[in-house]
């Protein structure tokens, strides 16, 4: 009898909108996950699942448990058998996705178990640990073969939002739980209303104008830089008015995270979240973190102005030095109020800054303290980058949405919210011109925005599915 009811419900989903309206599936959702989804639960957690999804009229059950492996998905789903005629949302894989082949087998088994469930949603893993990028590709590959199975890109939706996560970059804060619940609700509403068959990313970027720009007048200059390189998360380098020197194209299934140009501007280094480093052009490989057990993923690579050397920055504030780069300290062993999100070097070899998601600025060596962003009006949006002027007399603090605060002698050349776009992308990186009078911002979707004397050199027409821009380096 249960099978017959499920079959009838499945037929209602696949029939015409008129038939669907006459015989809709139940407006209920069963959410199954591990500890990452626990923060959406009830007390002592945020209650976001019931507040956001239940509050929108959905009969919502959240079943999340610490250390739950993907292999337990089927027994858990079977325990909710009476609810499988509605929607199922899965957030599994964080505990066992490192073995890609085994994870694929488990995913296929779960999808097979839910063959008669009208809507099955699996959230991508936040890609901050080895194997997660490959696991997300397994989910996308599986979705192509099953009409009722959809992948929702939590990794993309959470990109740049440091306030969504605890220090490990995986477990959610209350803000992250609310954001995840809202993402799930958006997919459920689209499915239930008979909308698009799948939602693979957060709301589309809309670069149409919603209001007039309030930025200072731009003065683009051809002398700002000769060109630039853009790096995407697969490891591909996109060159614009710059030589094609090579890339890494997603080695080891790890996410590429950053690119840094040499002091001459005729080469660059690339790094991924494991701290592997690759050198191209006149860049010299001075070592990396291959084989090192890391406490946190690598987020940045910063070139030493002294020449053939660089620093790697960990998500926990740890700093690793190679070649001519000198160690002046780190925040790796410090209890922080907010995670460290960026590192920048002084124009001389003896100093650097670290910035925190809360706008805090930490100085090391000869780097001067010129101010911080702790009391800025947009403090609720995480600060994701500190960008110094070439001569070090000022710097900008940038948020994930492209807000900019100018500190010291750094001029206010504008920012992304003031451009007036309806729905701009999150910002992946920011780079300053030779004069220090302007800067570029790189959107995660590949859009390049110019301010002050920065001039455009090009941008990719589109990016492959599941790929985002992560870094920018200048060909000076």
Protein backbone atom coordinates (compact mmCIF):
# COMPACT_ATOMS: atom_id res chain seq x y z
CA UNK A 1 0.00 0.00 0.00
CA UNK A 2 2.87 2.39 0.88
CA UNK A 3 4.52 1.65 -2.47
CA UNK A 4 1.25 2.40 -4.27
CA UNK A 5 0.88 5.74 -2.48
CA UNK A 6 4.49 6.66 -3.30
CA UNK A 7 3.99 5.76 -6.93
CA UNK A 8 0.88 7.91 -7.14
CA UNK A 9 2.70 10.81 -5.53
CA UNK A 10 5.60 10.42 -7.95
CA UNK A 11 3.15 10.47 -10.82
CA UNK A 12 1.68 13.72 -9.51
CA UNK A 13 5.12 15.31 -9.59
CA UNK A 14 5.80 14.29 -13.17
CA UNK A 15 2.41 15.20 -14.62
CA UNK A 16 1.18 18.55 -15.92
CA UNK A 17 0.92 21.64 -13.68
CA UNK A 18 -2.89 21.32 -13.72
CA UNK A 19 -2.76 17.71 -12.51
CA UNK A 20 -0.12 18.63 -9.94
CA UNK A 21 -2.32 21.43 -8.56
CA UNK A 22 -5.25 19.04 -8.24
CA UNK A 23 -3.20 16.35 -6.47
CA UNK A 24 -0.10 17.94 -4.86
CA UNK A 25 2.48 15.94 -2.89
CA UNK A 26 2.49 16.43 0.89
CA UNK A 27 4.19 19.61 2.00
CA UNK A 28 6.58 17.82 4.30
CA UNK A 29 10.35 17.48 4.43
CA UNK A 30 12.67 15.10 6.24
CA UNK A 31 16.20 16.44 6.72
CA UNK A 32 18.93 13.88 7.46
CA UNK A 33 22.46 14.91 8.32
CA UNK A 34 25.42 14.73 10.65
CA UNK A 35 26.76 17.23 13.20
CA UNK A 36 27.05 19.99 10.56
CA UNK A 37 23.24 20.18 10.47
CA UNK A 38 22.78 19.99 14.25
CA UNK A 39 22.80 23.78 14.64
CA UNK A 40 19.50 23.89 12.70
CA UNK A 41 17.91 21.76 15.45
CA UNK A 42 15.98 22.77 18.53
CA UNK A 43 17.34 23.81 21.94
CA UNK A 44 20.17 24.12 22.77
CA UNK A 45 20.70 24.85 19.06
CA UNK A 46 19.29 27.63 16.86
CA UNK A 47 15.96 26.07 15.89
CA UNK A 48 16.46 27.37 12.33
CA UNK A 49 14.86 24.32 10.66
CA UNK A 50 11.53 24.90 12.39
CA UNK A 51 11.73 28.70 12.40
CA UNK A 52 12.62 29.06 8.71
CA UNK A 53 11.25 25.93 7.00
CA UNK A 54 8.52 25.04 9.46
CA UNK A 55 7.60 28.71 9.68
CA UNK A 56 6.93 28.69 5.93
CA UNK A 57 4.28 26.01 6.36
CA UNK A 58 6.37 22.85 5.91
CA UNK A 59 5.93 19.82 8.16
CA UNK A 60 9.62 19.56 9.06
CA UNK A 61 11.61 16.79 10.75
CA UNK A 62 15.37 17.16 11.29
CA UNK A 63 17.34 14.00 12.11
CA UNK A 64 20.99 14.96 12.64
CA UNK A 65 23.59 13.15 14.70
CA UNK A 66 27.25 13.70 15.57
CA UNK A 67 29.74 11.59 13.54
CA UNK A 68 27.01 10.04 11.38
CA UNK A 69 28.59 8.40 8.29
CA UNK A 70 26.88 8.28 4.91
CA UNK A 71 26.38 4.53 5.27
CA UNK A 72 23.83 5.18 8.05
CA UNK A 73 21.68 7.20 5.67
CA UNK A 74 19.55 4.27 4.55
CA UNK A 75 18.66 2.96 8.03
CA UNK A 76 17.78 6.49 9.15
CA UNK A 77 15.59 7.05 6.09
CA UNK A 78 13.87 3.73 6.63
CA UNK A 79 13.01 4.85 10.16
CA UNK A 80 11.12 7.74 8.54
CA UNK A 81 9.43 5.56 5.90
CA UNK A 82 5.99 7.09 6.41
CA UNK A 83 7.33 10.54 5.43
CA UNK A 84 9.14 9.63 2.21
CA UNK A 85 6.23 10.67 0.01
CA UNK A 86 7.30 14.28 0.54
CA UNK A 87 10.77 15.76 0.20
CA UNK A 88 14.06 14.50 1.62
CA UNK A 89 17.09 16.73 2.21
CA UNK A 90 20.50 15.17 2.89
CA UNK A 91 23.62 16.66 4.42
CA UNK A 92 25.91 13.64 4.71
CA UNK A 93 29.52 13.01 3.72
CA UNK A 94 31.55 15.17 6.07
CA UNK A 95 32.75 12.11 8.01
CA UNK A 96 33.62 9.76 5.14
CA UNK A 97 33.85 11.59 1.80
CA UNK A 98 37.63 11.25 1.61
CA UNK A 99 37.30 7.89 -0.16
CA UNK A 100 35.65 9.06 -3.39
CA UNK A 101 34.81 5.63 -4.81
CA UNK A 102 33.28 4.42 -1.54
CA UNK A 103 31.32 7.66 -1.22
CA UNK A 104 29.95 7.23 -4.75
CA UNK A 105 28.74 3.74 -3.86
CA UNK A 106 26.97 5.02 -0.73
CA UNK A 107 25.35 7.92 -2.60
CA UNK A 108 24.04 5.60 -5.30
CA UNK A 109 22.61 3.29 -2.66
CA UNK A 110 20.76 6.13 -0.94
CA UNK A 111 19.43 7.53 -4.21
CA UNK A 112 18.24 4.04 -5.14
CA UNK A 113 16.47 3.73 -1.80
CA UNK A 114 14.69 7.02 -2.55
CA UNK A 115 13.77 6.20 -6.15
CA UNK A 116 10.07 6.79 -5.43
CA UNK A 117 10.52 9.91 -3.33
CA UNK A 118 9.42 12.87 -5.44
CA UNK A 119 12.09 15.34 -4.31
CA UNK A 120 15.55 14.40 -3.04
CA UNK A 121 18.01 17.20 -2.27
CA UNK A 122 21.66 16.80 -1.27
CA UNK A 123 23.67 19.81 -0.10
CA UNK A 124 27.26 20.08 -1.33
CA UNK A 125 29.94 19.88 1.35
CA UNK A 126 31.70 23.07 2.38
CA UNK A 127 34.94 22.46 0.50
CA UNK A 128 37.59 23.03 3.18
CA UNK A 129 39.01 19.53 3.62
CA UNK A 130 40.72 16.99 1.37
CA UNK A 131 38.32 15.04 -0.82
CA UNK A 132 35.31 17.33 -0.41
CA UNK A 133 35.61 18.82 -3.91
CA UNK A 134 35.68 15.33 -5.42
CA UNK A 135 32.69 14.31 -3.26
CA UNK A 136 30.72 17.30 -4.53
CA UNK A 137 31.46 16.22 -8.09
CA UNK A 138 30.12 12.75 -7.23
CA UNK A 139 26.86 14.40 -6.17
CA UNK A 140 26.60 16.38 -9.42
CA UNK A 141 27.39 13.33 -11.53
CA UNK A 142 24.70 11.33 -9.71
CA UNK A 143 22.10 14.07 -10.16
CA UNK A 144 22.45 13.86 -13.95
CA UNK A 145 21.15 10.30 -13.88
CA UNK A 146 18.13 10.77 -11.58
CA UNK A 147 15.27 13.16 -12.32
CA UNK A 148 14.17 13.35 -8.68
CA UNK A 149 17.68 14.00 -7.27
CA UNK A 150 18.91 17.60 -7.08
CA UNK A 151 22.13 19.11 -5.78
CA UNK A 152 21.96 22.42 -3.95
CA UNK A 153 25.30 24.21 -3.71
CA UNK A 154 25.80 25.02 -0.03
CA UNK A 155 29.53 25.38 -0.74
CA UNK A 156 28.86 28.22 -3.18
CA UNK A 157 26.18 29.85 -1.03
CA UNK A 158 28.51 29.90 2.00
CA UNK A 159 31.61 31.08 0.13
CA UNK A 160 33.11 34.15 1.77
CA UNK A 161 30.72 34.06 4.74
CA UNK A 162 33.12 33.45 7.61
CA UNK A 163 30.37 34.24 10.11
CA UNK A 164 28.48 31.12 9.02
CA UNK A 165 31.07 28.79 10.55
CA UNK A 166 32.87 27.91 13.73
CA UNK A 167 36.66 27.82 13.69
CA UNK A 168 36.85 24.53 11.76
CA UNK A 169 35.07 26.01 8.73
CA UNK A 170 32.43 23.23 8.80
CA UNK A 171 30.15 23.41 11.83
CA UNK A 172 27.59 26.17 11.74
CA UNK A 173 27.01 29.25 13.80
CA UNK A 174 23.45 30.43 14.32
CA UNK A 175 23.84 32.68 11.25
CA UNK A 176 25.08 29.72 9.20
CA UNK A 177 22.18 27.55 10.34
CA UNK A 178 19.71 30.22 9.29
CA UNK A 179 21.42 30.60 5.91
CA UNK A 180 21.38 26.83 5.33
CA UNK A 181 17.70 26.62 6.27
CA UNK A 182 16.88 29.47 3.90
CA UNK A 183 18.76 27.75 1.07
CA UNK A 184 16.85 24.51 1.68
CA UNK A 185 13.54 26.36 1.84
CA UNK A 186 14.24 28.08 -1.48
CA UNK A 187 14.73 24.73 -3.22
CA UNK A 188 11.65 23.22 -1.57
CA UNK A 189 9.46 26.15 -2.60
CA UNK A 190 10.70 26.03 -6.19
CA UNK A 191 10.04 22.30 -6.39
CA UNK A 192 6.62 22.46 -4.75
CA UNK A 193 5.47 25.30 -6.98
CA UNK A 194 6.42 23.28 -10.08
CA UNK A 195 9.43 25.48 -10.87
CA UNK A 196 12.84 24.52 -12.26
CA UNK A 197 13.86 20.89 -11.82
CA UNK A 198 17.02 21.72 -9.92
CA UNK A 199 18.75 24.50 -8.10
CA UNK A 200 22.53 24.16 -8.30
CA UNK A 201 23.50 27.53 -6.84
CA UNK A 202 22.25 30.42 -4.75
CA UNK A 203 20.18 33.18 -6.38
CA UNK A 204 21.50 34.26 -9.78
CA UNK A 205 23.80 37.25 -10.08
CA UNK A 206 21.96 40.25 -11.49
CA UNK A 207 24.23 43.01 -12.76
CA UNK A 208 21.43 45.19 -14.03
CA UNK A 209 21.15 48.60 -12.41
CA UNK A 210 18.75 49.00 -9.48
CA UNK A 211 19.92 52.51 -8.61
CA UNK A 212 22.47 55.08 -9.72
CA UNK A 213 26.09 54.60 -8.69
CA UNK A 214 27.25 56.66 -5.72
CA UNK A 215 30.94 55.80 -6.14
CA UNK A 216 33.60 58.47 -6.73
CA UNK A 217 34.30 59.15 -10.40
CA UNK A 218 36.61 56.53 -11.93
CA UNK A 219 39.71 57.53 -13.93
CA UNK A 220 40.85 54.34 -15.71
CA UNK A 221 44.53 54.37 -16.70
CA UNK A 222 46.40 52.03 -19.06
CA UNK A 223 49.37 52.34 -16.70
CA UNK A 224 47.48 50.71 -13.81
CA UNK A 225 48.86 47.30 -14.85
CA UNK A 226 49.71 45.45 -18.06
CA UNK A 227 47.14 42.72 -17.41
CA UNK A 228 46.11 40.11 -14.89
CA UNK A 229 45.60 36.42 -14.19
CA UNK A 230 42.42 35.02 -12.65
CA UNK A 231 42.37 31.66 -10.83
CA UNK A 232 39.29 29.47 -10.48
CA UNK A 233 38.65 26.76 -7.90
CA UNK A 234 39.49 23.95 -10.34
CA UNK A 235 43.04 25.32 -10.70
CA UNK A 236 42.60 26.87 -14.15
CA UNK A 237 44.32 30.22 -14.77
CA UNK A 238 42.59 32.69 -17.08
CA UNK A 239 45.05 35.20 -18.60
CA UNK A 240 43.98 38.66 -19.81
CA UNK A 241 46.64 40.83 -21.48
CA UNK A 242 49.09 38.56 -19.68
CA UNK A 243 51.11 35.53 -20.86
CA UNK A 244 49.70 32.03 -20.41
CA UNK A 245 52.25 30.39 -18.09
CA UNK A 246 50.40 27.26 -16.94
CA UNK A 247 47.95 26.01 -14.35
CA UNK A 248 47.16 22.93 -12.27
CA UNK A 249 43.63 21.86 -13.35
CA UNK A 250 42.40 20.37 -10.10
CA UNK A 251 45.23 17.99 -9.08
CA UNK A 252 44.45 15.44 -6.36
CA UNK A 253 40.80 16.53 -6.42
CA UNK A 254 41.62 19.47 -4.14
CA UNK A 255 40.25 22.99 -4.41
CA UNK A 256 42.66 25.67 -5.65
CA UNK A 257 42.52 28.63 -3.27
CA UNK A 258 44.94 31.39 -4.31
CA UNK A 259 47.46 32.84 -6.77
CA UNK A 260 50.37 35.21 -6.06
CA UNK A 261 52.55 36.99 -8.62
CA UNK A 262 56.32 37.26 -8.29
CA UNK A 263 57.98 40.61 -7.52
CA UNK A 264 58.86 40.99 -11.22
CA UNK A 265 55.27 40.31 -12.25
CA UNK A 266 56.47 37.71 -14.79
CA UNK A 267 55.41 34.60 -12.92
CA UNK A 268 53.13 33.27 -10.21
CA UNK A 269 52.58 30.59 -7.62
CA UNK A 270 49.36 28.64 -7.12
CA UNK A 271 48.26 26.81 -4.00
CA UNK A 272 45.40 24.58 -2.96
CA UNK A 273 43.71 23.95 0.38
CA UNK A 274 46.30 21.28 1.30
CA UNK A 275 49.21 23.70 0.88
CA UNK A 276 50.64 22.18 -2.31
CA UNK A 277 52.41 24.92 -4.29
CA UNK A 278 53.12 25.14 -8.03
CA UNK A 279 55.45 27.67 -9.69
CA UNK A 280 55.12 29.15 -13.20
CA UNK A 281 57.06 31.71 -15.23
CA UNK A 282 59.96 33.14 -13.22
CA UNK A 283 58.50 31.88 -9.93
CA UNK A 284 60.74 29.41 -8.09
CA UNK A 285 59.32 26.59 -6.01
CA UNK A 286 60.77 27.04 -2.52
CA UNK A 287 58.80 24.26 -0.82
CA UNK A 288 55.26 23.56 0.33
CA UNK A 289 53.24 21.62 2.87
CA UNK A 290 53.01 18.33 1.00
CA UNK A 291 52.79 15.52 3.55
CA UNK A 292 52.26 17.89 6.49
CA UNK A 293 49.25 17.20 8.72
CA UNK A 294 47.47 20.54 8.85
CA UNK A 295 45.26 21.75 11.67
CA UNK A 296 43.26 23.89 9.21
CA UNK A 297 43.06 24.34 5.43
CA UNK A 298 45.35 26.78 3.64
CA UNK A 299 43.50 29.86 2.41
CA UNK A 300 46.16 32.16 0.93
CA UNK A 301 49.62 32.44 -0.61
CA UNK A 302 51.47 35.77 -0.32
CA UNK A 303 54.62 36.56 -2.29
CA UNK A 304 57.64 37.90 -0.42
CA UNK A 305 58.89 41.23 -1.82
CA UNK A 306 62.43 39.98 -1.18
CA UNK A 307 62.25 37.70 -4.21
CA UNK A 308 61.90 33.95 -4.41
CA UNK A 309 59.79 33.21 -1.38
CA UNK A 310 56.25 33.18 -0.06
CA UNK A 311 54.04 32.68 2.95
CA UNK A 312 51.09 30.30 3.25
CA UNK A 313 48.24 31.27 5.57
CA UNK A 314 46.06 28.71 7.34
CA UNK A 315 42.42 29.24 8.20
CA UNK A 316 43.40 29.09 11.88
CA UNK A 317 45.84 32.01 11.50
CA UNK A 318 48.94 29.83 11.19
CA UNK A 319 51.73 31.24 8.98
CA UNK A 320 54.21 29.05 7.06
CA UNK A 321 57.34 30.50 5.43
CA UNK A 322 59.29 29.38 2.38
CA UNK A 323 62.38 30.73 0.58
CA UNK A 324 63.12 34.39 1.26
CA UNK A 325 59.91 34.91 3.28
CA UNK A 326 60.66 35.49 6.97
CA UNK A 327 58.57 34.44 9.93
CA UNK A 328 57.51 37.31 12.22
CA UNK A 329 54.70 35.62 14.10
CA UNK A 330 51.20 34.23 13.58
CA UNK A 331 47.83 33.84 15.26
CA UNK A 332 47.84 30.04 15.03
CA UNK A 333 48.04 29.43 18.79
CA UNK A 334 45.78 32.34 19.79
CA UNK A 335 42.16 32.09 20.90
CA UNK A 336 40.38 34.43 18.49
CA UNK A 337 36.99 36.12 18.54
CA UNK A 338 36.76 35.65 14.76
CA UNK A 339 38.72 33.59 12.21
CA UNK A 340 41.71 35.04 10.35
CA UNK A 341 40.68 35.65 6.74
CA UNK A 342 43.66 37.24 4.96
CA UNK A 343 47.36 38.11 4.96
CA UNK A 344 49.23 40.89 3.16
CA UNK A 345 52.94 41.73 3.01
CA UNK A 346 54.59 45.11 3.39
CA UNK A 347 56.54 46.49 0.42
CA UNK A 348 59.74 45.74 2.34
CA UNK A 349 60.63 42.15 3.27
CA UNK A 350 60.23 42.51 7.02
CA UNK A 351 56.56 42.65 7.84
CA UNK A 352 52.98 41.58 7.19
CA UNK A 353 49.42 42.07 8.34
CA UNK A 354 46.74 39.52 9.21
CA UNK A 355 43.07 40.50 9.23
CA UNK A 356 40.12 38.86 10.98
CA UNK A 357 36.53 38.36 9.90
CA UNK A 358 35.45 40.87 12.57
CA UNK A 359 37.65 43.63 11.12
CA UNK A 360 40.54 43.09 13.52
CA UNK A 361 44.03 43.86 12.16
CA UNK A 362 47.20 42.23 13.51
CA UNK A 363 50.68 43.54 12.65
CA UNK A 364 53.96 41.64 12.50
CA UNK A 365 57.51 42.82 11.87
CA UNK A 366 57.60 46.33 10.40
CA UNK A 367 53.95 46.38 9.31
CA UNK A 368 52.33 49.52 10.79
CA UNK A 369 49.01 49.56 12.60
CA UNK A 370 46.96 52.19 10.77
CA UNK A 371 43.53 51.22 12.03
CA UNK A 372 41.00 48.40 12.07
CA UNK A 373 37.41 47.76 11.03
CA UNK A 374 35.92 46.64 14.34
CA UNK A 375 33.46 49.54 14.53
CA UNK A 376 32.59 49.84 10.85
CA UNK A 377 28.93 50.11 9.90
CA UNK A 378 29.08 46.88 7.89
CA UNK A 379 30.68 44.82 10.64
CA UNK A 380 27.88 42.24 10.36
CA UNK A 381 29.36 41.32 6.96
CA UNK A 382 32.66 39.44 7.42
CA UNK A 383 35.89 41.20 6.50
CA UNK A 384 37.62 38.85 4.09
CA UNK A 385 40.68 40.80 2.93
CA UNK A 386 43.21 43.47 3.86
CA UNK A 387 44.82 45.07 0.78
CA UNK A 388 47.73 47.51 1.34
CA UNK A 389 48.78 50.42 -0.88
CA UNK A 390 52.10 49.75 -2.69
CA UNK A 391 54.04 52.08 -0.36
CA UNK A 392 52.37 50.74 2.80
CA UNK A 393 50.95 54.06 4.04
CA UNK A 394 47.39 52.79 3.98
CA UNK A 395 45.20 49.78 3.36
CA UNK A 396 41.66 48.81 2.57
CA UNK A 397 39.47 46.30 4.40
CA UNK A 398 37.08 44.46 2.09
CA UNK A 399 34.04 42.40 2.99
CA UNK A 400 32.78 39.32 1.17
CA UNK A 401 30.07 41.40 -0.52
CA UNK A 402 32.56 44.05 -1.72
CA UNK A 403 32.17 46.76 0.92
CA UNK A 404 35.44 48.69 1.29
CA UNK A 405 36.74 50.78 4.18
CA UNK A 406 39.82 52.92 3.43
CA UNK A 407 42.33 53.31 6.28
CA UNK A 408 45.40 55.55 6.54
CA UNK A 409 46.36 57.17 3.22
CA UNK A 410 44.33 54.65 1.19
CA UNK A 411 41.80 56.60 -0.91
CA UNK A 412 38.12 55.71 -1.11
CA UNK A 413 37.73 54.80 -4.79
CA UNK A 414 34.36 53.15 -4.27
CA UNK A 415 33.00 49.70 -3.61
CA UNK A 416 30.60 47.15 -5.05
CA UNK A 417 27.38 47.95 -3.09
CA UNK A 418 27.61 51.58 -4.20
CA UNK A 419 27.77 50.58 -7.89
CA UNK A 420 24.01 50.02 -7.73
CA UNK A 421 23.72 46.49 -9.12
CA UNK A 422 20.53 44.61 -8.27
CA UNK A 423 22.26 41.44 -7.08
CA UNK A 424 26.06 41.45 -7.44
CA UNK A 425 28.18 38.35 -6.78
CA UNK A 426 30.27 37.70 -3.71
CA UNK A 427 33.81 39.00 -4.09
CA UNK A 428 36.69 36.52 -4.30
CA UNK A 429 39.68 38.89 -4.40
CA UNK A 430 40.83 42.49 -4.66
CA UNK A 431 44.07 43.87 -6.16
CA UNK A 432 45.48 47.40 -6.10
CA UNK A 433 46.89 49.44 -9.01
CA UNK A 434 50.54 50.56 -9.28
CA UNK A 435 49.67 54.07 -8.13
CA UNK A 436 47.58 52.96 -5.18
CA UNK A 437 44.74 55.13 -6.44
CA UNK A 438 42.43 52.32 -7.54
CA UNK A 439 41.70 48.62 -7.41
CA UNK A 440 39.99 45.71 -9.09
CA UNK A 441 37.49 43.35 -7.47
CA UNK A 442 36.99 39.82 -8.76
CA UNK A 443 33.54 38.32 -8.30
CA UNK A 444 33.19 34.63 -7.54
CA UNK A 445 31.26 34.36 -10.84
CA UNK A 446 34.23 35.75 -12.84
CA UNK A 447 33.06 39.35 -13.15
CA UNK A 448 35.84 41.95 -12.82
CA UNK A 449 34.90 45.36 -11.39
CA UNK A 450 37.14 48.43 -11.63
CA UNK A 451 37.50 51.41 -9.28
CA UNK A 452 39.66 54.54 -9.36
CA UNK A 453 42.42 54.25 -11.99
CA UNK A 454 41.99 50.49 -12.50
CA UNK A 455 41.23 49.59 -16.13
CA UNK A 456 39.49 46.42 -17.36
CA UNK A 457 41.44 43.79 -19.31
CA UNK A 458 38.75 41.12 -19.67
CA UNK A 459 36.86 38.41 -17.85
CA UNK A 460 35.62 34.89 -18.68
CA UNK A 461 32.25 34.69 -20.45
CA UNK A 462 31.14 31.92 -18.07
CA UNK A 463 32.54 29.35 -15.67
CA UNK A 464 32.02 25.57 -15.66
CA UNK A 465 29.30 24.29 -13.33
CA UNK A 466 30.43 24.13 -9.72
CA UNK A 467 33.46 26.35 -10.36
CA UNK A 468 34.13 29.72 -8.77
CA UNK A 469 36.85 32.32 -9.08
CA UNK A 470 39.15 32.35 -6.05
CA UNK A 471 42.11 34.65 -6.79
CA UNK A 472 43.63 37.43 -8.91
CA UNK A 473 47.27 38.37 -9.60
CA UNK A 474 48.62 41.31 -11.60
CA UNK A 475 50.95 41.15 -14.59
CA UNK A 476 52.79 44.40 -13.82
